[in-house]
Amino acid sequence: MKTQVCIIGAGPAGLLLGHLLRMEGIECLLVERQTPAYVLSRIRAGVLEEVTVGLIERLGLSARLKAEGLPHGGFNLADGERLIRIAIEELTGKQVTIYGQTELTRDLMDARDDRGLEVVYEAGDVALHDVDSDAPYVTYQKDGNEHRVECRFIVGCDGFHGPSRKAVPASIGKEYERVYPFGWLGILADVPPCNHELIYANHERGFALASMRASTRSRYYVDVPLTEKVEDWPDERIWEELAVRLGPEAAARMTRGPSIEKTIAPLRSYVFAPMRHGRLLLCGDAAHIVPPTGAKGLNLAASDVHYAAEALTAFFRRDDADAIGAYSDKALARVWKSERFSWALTRLMHRFPEDGPFERAMQLAELDYIAESRAAQTSIAENYVGLQV
């Protein structure tokens, strides 16, 4: 089969790009190795920047997001005793919206048939070929047969472990990585949140996060060593640890309940450059990973998709090859700024194994400075709501 753009991966990034291209009349095909049910089962974050919300509005798919999403004009940092509110709307004029990545993916999936977006699910052994030529192609196995997709461009939206990044020769690609010595133990429960805004807490026992997916569903995290196992953390142990780390004000408003999902997610900072090689463009986790502390993962993927859609539209509309050539540098400029913010916030809010009394004192001094400085709060707010694309 033939198409103009073959997109590897039908998670939120791939689906979003597919919808944007179809809106411009560009032919595309998505190839996904998992089932639709599996794609929807992946529980991820849900803090959306205005850029991400704007793309969904542009597609005319924001009705449920507007009805069920929770606009937030601020969030909180905590040091175990007090809450330091970062008033992002007052400081920047912008908001973020709490809307689960699963729900966003569902909206994009539900609209694919009506918008003429074709997705091949359960595609095995996906491989990219001749990406540095003018005629790249993709092969995959389906129902015991090999299929071939001839295209003008391939876009890898297939995550950190997908095949797209591996199609870039080692002599061309460069990796930048920081693996953190802890993971986030998360608990999802159908209980009201303890605060109407997110709380990122730095306690002497470690990091904690109080967040939500809806007004009746809460998502909490504590950081734990990578050697920990989920089965060693019964619900009550997690709730007790959260109460200590989040501080007395949040603990007093916390509603406890049975978990409906528990996981431990490792943290890393990772960037692969360049994000384009020949006729292959990389988007989202295929090119970069950020620790979830800064709520940037999905939003960075969305900004990549924005740049990729612009570049591909310019190429097919105006034969503008320069737009394709500029994609990587444009995307990476925003990626590195978001990596910096996520790394800095992770460093501020977590206890590292090598940290001693001095490092702890520096964290508390920084939090005290943020509490007293509007300039510091403005800098954090600008990064949290998302830099301009």
Protein backbone atom coordinates (compact mmCIF):
# COMPACT_ATOMS: atom_id res chain seq x y z
CA MET A 1 0.00 0.00 0.00
CA LYS A 2 1.03 3.62 -0.48
CA THR A 3 0.53 6.77 1.60
CA GLN A 4 2.21 10.13 2.03
CA VAL A 5 3.12 9.74 5.71
CA CYS A 6 3.44 6.52 7.68
CA ILE A 7 3.20 7.11 11.44
CA ILE A 8 4.67 4.47 13.71
CA GLY A 9 2.69 4.32 16.96
CA ALA A 10 -0.97 5.12 17.68
CA GLY A 11 -0.71 6.54 21.16
CA PRO A 12 -1.73 10.15 21.78
CA ALA A 13 1.21 11.62 19.81
CA GLY A 14 0.66 9.47 16.73
CA LEU A 15 -3.11 9.95 16.77
CA LEU A 16 -2.77 13.71 17.25
CA LEU A 17 -0.34 13.97 14.33
CA GLY A 18 -2.58 11.81 12.17
CA HIS A 19 -5.59 14.01 12.84
CA LEU A 20 -3.62 17.19 12.10
CA LEU A 21 -2.36 15.80 8.81
CA ARG A 22 -5.80 14.56 7.73
CA MET A 23 -7.21 18.01 8.51
CA GLU A 24 -4.73 19.38 5.94
CA GLY A 25 -5.71 16.74 3.39
CA ILE A 26 -2.45 14.79 3.76
CA GLU A 27 -2.69 11.02 3.42
CA CYS A 28 -1.36 9.05 6.38
CA LEU A 29 -1.45 5.60 7.91
CA LEU A 30 -0.76 4.70 11.54
CA VAL A 31 0.88 1.38 12.43
CA GLU A 32 0.53 0.24 16.06
CA ARG A 33 1.86 -3.01 17.53
CA GLN A 34 -0.67 -3.13 20.41
CA THR A 35 -4.46 -3.51 20.52
CA PRO A 36 -6.72 -0.48 21.04
CA ALA A 37 -7.63 -1.79 24.50
CA TYR A 38 -3.97 -2.00 25.49
CA VAL A 39 -3.29 1.54 24.27
CA LEU A 40 -6.17 2.80 26.41
CA SER A 41 -5.05 0.78 29.44
CA ARG A 42 -1.81 2.73 29.82
CA ILE A 43 -2.29 5.07 32.78
CA ARG A 44 -0.32 8.27 32.30
CA ALA A 45 -0.27 11.84 33.51
CA GLY A 46 -2.87 14.41 32.65
CA VAL A 47 -1.61 17.98 33.12
CA LEU A 48 -2.20 19.67 29.76
CA GLU A 49 -0.58 22.94 28.73
CA GLU A 50 -2.58 25.46 26.74
CA VAL A 51 -0.59 24.50 23.64
CA THR A 52 -1.85 20.92 23.92
CA VAL A 53 -5.42 22.01 24.63
CA GLY A 54 -5.19 24.38 21.67
CA LEU A 55 -4.31 21.55 19.29
CA ILE A 56 -7.32 19.55 20.46
CA GLU A 57 -9.55 22.61 20.03
CA ARG A 58 -8.14 23.17 16.55
CA LEU A 59 -9.22 19.64 15.63
CA GLY A 60 -12.72 20.23 16.99
CA LEU A 61 -12.31 17.40 19.50
CA SER A 62 -12.37 19.32 22.76
CA ALA A 63 -16.02 18.93 23.82
CA ARG A 64 -15.38 16.30 26.49
CA LEU A 65 -12.14 17.94 27.57
CA LYS A 66 -14.02 21.20 28.17
CA ALA A 67 -16.85 19.44 29.98
CA GLU A 68 -14.77 17.15 32.20
CA GLY A 69 -11.32 18.77 32.35
CA LEU A 70 -10.31 20.66 35.49
CA PRO A 71 -8.73 24.07 34.77
CA HIS A 72 -6.02 24.95 37.27
CA GLY A 73 -4.70 28.44 37.93
CA GLY A 74 -1.93 27.31 40.27
CA PHE A 75 -0.11 24.49 42.00
CA ASN A 76 1.77 24.08 45.26
CA LEU A 77 5.24 23.24 46.49
CA ALA A 78 5.53 21.93 50.04
CA ASP A 79 8.42 21.44 52.45
CA GLY A 80 6.62 19.12 54.85
CA GLU A 81 5.15 21.94 56.91
CA ARG A 82 3.73 24.60 54.58
CA LEU A 83 2.28 25.01 51.11
CA ILE A 84 3.90 27.49 48.72
CA ARG A 85 1.36 28.33 46.04
CA ILE A 86 2.62 29.15 42.55
CA ALA A 87 -0.20 31.26 41.11
CA ILE A 88 0.42 30.43 37.46
CA GLU A 89 -2.64 32.20 36.08
CA GLU A 90 -1.94 35.40 38.00
CA LEU A 91 1.74 35.30 37.04
CA THR A 92 1.42 34.29 33.38
CA GLY A 93 -2.21 34.77 32.35
CA LYS A 94 -2.42 31.06 31.49
CA GLN A 95 -3.85 27.91 33.01
CA VAL A 96 -3.20 24.20 32.79
CA THR A 97 -5.99 21.64 32.49
CA ILE A 98 -6.19 18.33 34.33
CA TYR A 99 -7.47 15.74 31.86
CA GLY A 100 -6.16 12.19 31.86
CA GLN A 101 -3.99 11.08 28.97
CA THR A 102 -6.21 8.00 28.68
CA GLU A 103 -9.25 10.22 28.11
CA LEU A 104 -7.42 12.35 25.55
CA THR A 105 -6.35 9.20 23.70
CA ARG A 106 -9.94 7.91 23.79
CA ASP A 107 -11.21 11.15 22.23
CA LEU A 108 -8.66 10.87 19.41
CA MET A 109 -9.42 7.18 18.87
CA ASP A 110 -13.18 7.67 18.80
CA ALA A 111 -12.86 10.30 16.06
CA ARG A 112 -10.53 8.38 13.76
CA ASP A 113 -13.16 6.69 11.59
CA ASP A 114 -15.21 9.84 11.03
CA ARG A 115 -12.05 11.78 10.13
CA GLY A 116 -10.75 9.12 7.74
CA LEU A 117 -7.75 8.27 9.89
CA GLU A 118 -6.65 4.70 9.20
CA VAL A 119 -4.90 2.75 11.97
CA VAL A 120 -3.47 -0.76 11.71
CA TYR A 121 -3.44 -2.35 15.17
CA GLU A 122 -1.58 -5.49 16.25
CA ALA A 123 1.16 -4.94 13.68
CA GLY A 124 4.14 -7.14 14.52
CA ASP A 125 7.81 -6.91 13.58
CA VAL A 126 7.53 -3.29 12.43
CA ALA A 127 10.67 -2.25 10.53
CA LEU A 128 11.74 0.97 8.83
CA HIS A 129 13.68 0.88 5.55
CA ASP A 130 15.61 3.37 3.40
CA VAL A 131 14.81 6.31 5.68
CA ASP A 132 17.68 8.31 4.16
CA SER A 133 16.22 7.99 0.65
CA ASP A 134 13.35 9.74 -1.12
CA ALA A 135 11.33 6.53 -0.99
CA PRO A 136 11.29 5.10 2.52
CA TYR A 137 9.00 2.24 3.42
CA VAL A 138 7.73 0.32 6.42
CA THR A 139 7.12 -3.39 6.76
CA TYR A 140 5.08 -5.22 9.38
CA GLN A 141 3.49 -8.59 10.04
CA LYS A 142 -0.28 -8.94 10.37
CA ASP A 143 -2.40 -12.11 10.36
CA GLY A 144 0.58 -14.17 9.27
CA ASN A 145 1.38 -11.99 6.27
CA GLU A 146 4.03 -9.34 5.66
CA HIS A 147 2.76 -5.95 4.59
CA ARG A 148 4.69 -3.09 3.03
CA VAL A 149 3.80 0.62 3.26
CA GLU A 150 5.50 2.88 0.72
CA CYS A 151 5.52 6.54 1.73
CA ARG A 152 7.23 9.89 1.39
CA PHE A 153 7.94 10.31 5.12
CA ILE A 154 7.96 8.20 8.26
CA VAL A 155 7.23 9.71 11.67
CA GLY A 156 8.23 7.73 14.74
CA CYS A 157 5.74 8.20 17.58
CA ASP A 158 6.45 4.75 18.98
CA GLY A 159 7.93 5.55 22.36
CA PHE A 160 11.29 4.89 23.95
CA HIS A 161 11.39 1.17 23.08
CA GLY A 162 10.04 1.39 19.52
CA PRO A 163 11.97 0.73 16.31
CA SER A 164 12.00 4.26 14.88
CA ARG A 165 14.92 5.73 16.81
CA LYS A 166 16.95 2.60 16.10
CA ALA A 167 16.64 3.37 12.37
CA VAL A 168 18.98 6.35 12.82
CA PRO A 169 22.61 5.21 12.34
CA ALA A 170 24.71 5.20 15.51
CA SER A 171 27.26 7.39 13.74
CA ILE A 172 24.64 10.14 13.39
CA GLY A 173 22.54 9.98 16.56
CA LYS A 174 23.76 11.13 19.96
CA GLU A 175 22.18 10.21 23.29
CA TYR A 176 22.10 12.33 26.45
CA GLU A 177 20.85 10.53 29.55
CA ARG A 178 20.48 10.83 33.31
CA VAL A 179 18.95 7.83 35.12
CA TYR A 180 17.61 8.69 38.56
CA PRO A 181 18.18 6.43 41.58
CA PHE A 182 14.50 6.22 42.49
CA GLY A 183 11.08 5.63 41.02
CA TRP A 184 7.58 6.94 41.64
CA LEU A 185 5.23 4.58 43.43
CA GLY A 186 1.78 5.66 42.28
CA ILE A 187 -1.64 4.87 43.66
CA LEU A 188 -4.91 5.62 41.86
CA ALA A 189 -8.07 5.66 43.98
CA ASP A 190 -11.67 6.75 43.61
CA VAL A 191 -11.53 9.33 46.38
CA PRO A 192 -11.75 13.14 46.23
CA PRO A 193 -8.38 14.92 46.07
CA CYS A 194 -6.94 16.40 49.25
CA ASN A 195 -6.43 19.76 47.54
CA HIS A 196 -8.07 21.43 44.54
CA GLU A 197 -4.58 21.98 43.06
CA LEU A 198 -1.53 19.74 42.76
CA ILE A 199 0.94 19.53 45.63
CA TYR A 200 4.61 18.66 45.03
CA ALA A 201 6.18 17.92 48.42
CA ASN A 202 9.81 17.70 49.55
CA HIS A 203 9.97 16.02 52.96
CA GLU A 204 13.02 14.71 54.77
CA ARG A 205 11.62 11.20 54.13
CA GLY A 206 11.36 11.89 50.39
CA PHE A 207 9.15 13.26 47.62
CA ALA A 208 5.35 13.04 47.38
CA LEU A 209 2.79 14.31 44.88
CA ALA A 210 -0.93 14.80 45.37
CA SER A 211 -2.78 15.07 42.06
CA MET A 212 -6.12 14.11 40.57
CA ARG A 213 -7.80 12.78 37.44
CA ALA A 214 -11.25 14.10 38.32
CA SER A 215 -13.13 15.58 41.26
CA THR A 216 -13.72 12.05 42.57
CA ARG A 217 -10.52 10.30 41.44
CA SER A 218 -7.09 10.98 42.95
CA ARG A 219 -3.58 10.06 41.92
CA TYR A 220 -0.82 10.10 44.54
CA TYR A 221 2.89 9.31 44.36
CA VAL A 222 5.83 8.79 46.70
CA ASP A 223 9.38 8.25 45.54
CA VAL A 224 10.98 4.94 46.49
CA PRO A 225 14.32 3.22 45.76
CA LEU A 226 14.34 1.24 42.53
CA THR A 227 14.81 -1.93 44.59
CA GLU A 228 11.30 -1.59 46.07
CA LYS A 229 8.44 -3.82 44.91
CA VAL A 230 4.76 -2.87 44.62
CA GLU A 231 3.68 -5.89 46.64
CA ASP A 232 5.66 -4.57 49.63
CA TRP A 233 3.45 -1.46 49.67
CA PRO A 234 -0.09 -2.29 50.78
CA ASP A 235 -2.54 0.58 50.46
CA GLU A 236 -2.41 1.57 54.12
CA ARG A 237 1.39 1.89 54.06
CA ILE A 238 1.18 4.24 51.08
CA TRP A 239 -1.53 6.36 52.69
CA GLU A 240 0.49 6.65 55.91
CA GLU A 241 3.60 7.68 54.00
CA LEU A 242 1.67 10.24 51.97
CA ALA A 243 0.20 11.77 55.13
CA VAL A 244 3.69 12.28 56.53
CA ARG A 245 5.36 13.61 53.39
CA LEU A 246 2.57 15.92 52.21
CA GLY A 247 2.39 17.64 55.59
CA PRO A 248 -0.34 18.17 58.16
CA GLU A 249 -2.53 20.52 56.10
CA ALA A 250 -2.90 18.09 53.20
CA ALA A 251 -3.05 15.05 55.47
CA ALA A 252 -6.01 16.50 57.35
CA ARG A 253 -8.00 16.71 54.09
CA MET A 254 -6.91 13.36 52.65
CA THR A 255 -9.58 10.74 52.00
CA ARG A 256 -8.22 7.21 51.97
CA GLY A 257 -9.63 4.38 49.92
CA PRO A 258 -8.74 1.15 48.12
CA SER A 259 -6.36 1.45 45.19
CA ILE A 260 -7.59 0.66 41.70
CA GLU A 261 -4.05 0.76 40.27
CA LYS A 262 -0.52 0.75 41.71
CA THR A 263 2.76 0.95 39.82
CA ILE A 264 6.40 1.93 40.27
CA ALA A 265 7.70 4.04 37.39
CA PRO A 266 11.46 4.64 37.00
CA LEU A 267 12.63 8.19 36.27
CA ARG A 268 15.08 9.32 33.65
CA SER A 269 16.05 12.35 31.59
CA TYR A 270 16.89 11.43 28.01
CA VAL A 271 17.40 13.28 24.73
CA PHE A 272 18.26 11.84 21.32
CA ALA A 273 19.57 14.20 18.67
CA PRO A 274 18.95 14.87 15.87
CA MET A 275 15.20 14.30 15.80
CA ARG A 276 15.26 13.93 12.01
CA HIS A 277 17.29 11.73 9.71
CA GLY A 278 16.50 11.81 6.02
CA ARG A 279 12.78 11.19 5.63
CA LEU A 280 12.35 10.05 9.26
CA LEU A 281 11.06 12.42 11.97
CA LEU A 282 10.94 11.47 15.65
CA CYS A 283 8.27 12.74 18.05
CA GLY A 284 7.65 12.33 21.77
CA ASP A 285 9.20 9.52 23.79
CA ALA A 286 10.91 8.17 20.69
CA ALA A 287 13.27 11.14 20.99
CA HIS A 288 13.14 12.25 24.61
CA ILE A 289 12.04 11.32 28.12
CA VAL A 290 11.51 13.75 30.98
CA PRO A 291 10.96 12.91 34.64
CA PRO A 292 7.26 13.45 35.41
CA THR A 293 8.04 16.11 38.03
CA GLY A 294 7.52 18.96 35.57
CA ALA A 295 4.42 17.48 33.84
CA LYS A 296 6.09 17.81 30.45
CA GLY A 297 6.00 14.36 28.81
CA LEU A 298 2.72 14.51 26.91
CA ASN A 299 3.03 18.25 26.35
CA LEU A 300 6.48 17.91 24.78
CA ALA A 301 5.11 15.20 22.50
CA ALA A 302 2.30 17.56 21.50
CA SER A 303 4.74 20.37 20.68
CA ASP A 304 6.83 17.94 18.59
CA VAL A 305 3.67 16.95 16.73
CA HIS A 306 2.84 20.62 16.17
CA TYR A 307 6.25 21.25 14.62
CA ALA A 308 6.13 18.01 12.58
CA ALA A 309 2.66 18.78 11.24
CA GLU A 310 3.77 22.28 10.24
CA ALA A 311 6.87 20.96 8.48
CA LEU A 312 5.04 18.19 6.62
CA THR A 313 2.22 20.53 5.60
CA ALA A 314 4.77 23.02 4.24
CA PHE A 315 6.43 20.24 2.27
CA PHE A 316 3.27 18.83 0.71
CA ARG A 317 1.59 22.21 0.19
CA ARG A 318 4.58 24.27 -1.02
CA ASP A 319 7.34 21.72 -1.67
CA ASP A 320 9.23 23.41 1.18
CA ALA A 321 12.09 21.04 2.03
CA ASP A 322 13.65 23.67 4.31
CA ALA A 323 10.74 23.24 6.75
CA ILE A 324 11.61 19.55 7.07
CA GLY A 325 15.26 20.42 7.54
CA ALA A 326 14.43 22.86 10.35
CA TYR A 327 12.22 20.43 12.28
CA SER A 328 14.87 18.91 14.54
CA ASP A 329 16.48 22.16 15.66
CA LYS A 330 13.10 23.77 16.29
CA ALA A 331 11.81 20.85 18.33
CA LEU A 332 15.04 20.35 20.27
CA ALA A 333 15.15 24.00 21.35
CA ARG A 334 11.92 23.46 23.29
CA VAL A 335 12.88 19.97 24.39
CA TRP A 336 16.07 21.12 26.10
CA LYS A 337 14.30 23.94 27.94
CA SER A 338 11.68 21.51 29.21
CA GLU A 339 14.37 19.00 30.14
CA ARG A 340 16.11 21.71 32.15
CA PHE A 341 12.95 22.60 34.05
CA SER A 342 12.01 18.97 34.76
CA TRP A 343 15.56 18.17 35.90
CA ALA A 344 15.74 21.27 38.14
CA LEU A 345 12.37 20.58 39.77
CA THR A 346 13.29 16.93 40.27
CA ARG A 347 16.56 17.96 41.90
CA LEU A 348 14.78 20.44 44.15
CA MET A 349 11.98 18.16 45.34
CA HIS A 350 13.75 14.79 45.78
CA ARG A 351 16.33 13.43 48.19
CA PHE A 352 19.22 11.80 46.35
CA PRO A 353 21.23 8.97 48.00
CA GLU A 354 24.41 11.03 47.98
CA ASP A 355 22.76 14.06 49.59
CA GLY A 356 23.79 15.05 53.08
CA PRO A 357 22.84 17.82 55.51
CA PHE A 358 24.26 20.51 53.22
CA GLU A 359 22.16 19.47 50.21
CA ARG A 360 19.06 19.27 52.39
CA ALA A 361 19.74 22.76 53.74
CA MET A 362 20.15 24.06 50.17
CA GLN A 363 16.79 22.60 49.14
CA LEU A 364 15.05 24.23 52.09
CA ALA A 365 16.79 27.54 51.40
CA GLU A 366 15.66 27.39 47.76
CA LEU A 367 12.07 26.65 48.78
CA ASP A 368 12.19 29.52 51.26
CA TYR A 369 13.47 31.84 48.53
CA ILE A 370 10.71 30.72 46.16
CA ALA A 371 8.12 31.37 48.88
CA GLU A 372 9.33 34.99 49.24
CA SER A 373 10.23 35.88 45.64
CA ARG A 374 7.65 36.77 43.01
CA ALA A 375 10.42 36.65 40.39
CA ALA A 376 11.26 33.05 41.32
CA GLN A 377 7.60 32.09 41.28
CA THR A 378 7.15 33.73 37.87
CA SER A 379 10.05 31.75 36.42
CA ILE A 380 8.58 28.49 37.70
CA ALA A 381 5.09 29.43 36.50
CA GLU A 382 6.31 30.30 32.97
CA ASN A 383 7.97 26.92 32.62
CA TYR A 384 5.11 24.98 34.19
CA VAL A 385 2.41 26.36 31.89
CA GLY A 386 4.69 25.75 28.91
CA LEU A 387 6.98 27.85 26.80
CA GLN A 388 5.70 29.21 23.50
CA VAL A 389 5.89 27.09 20.38
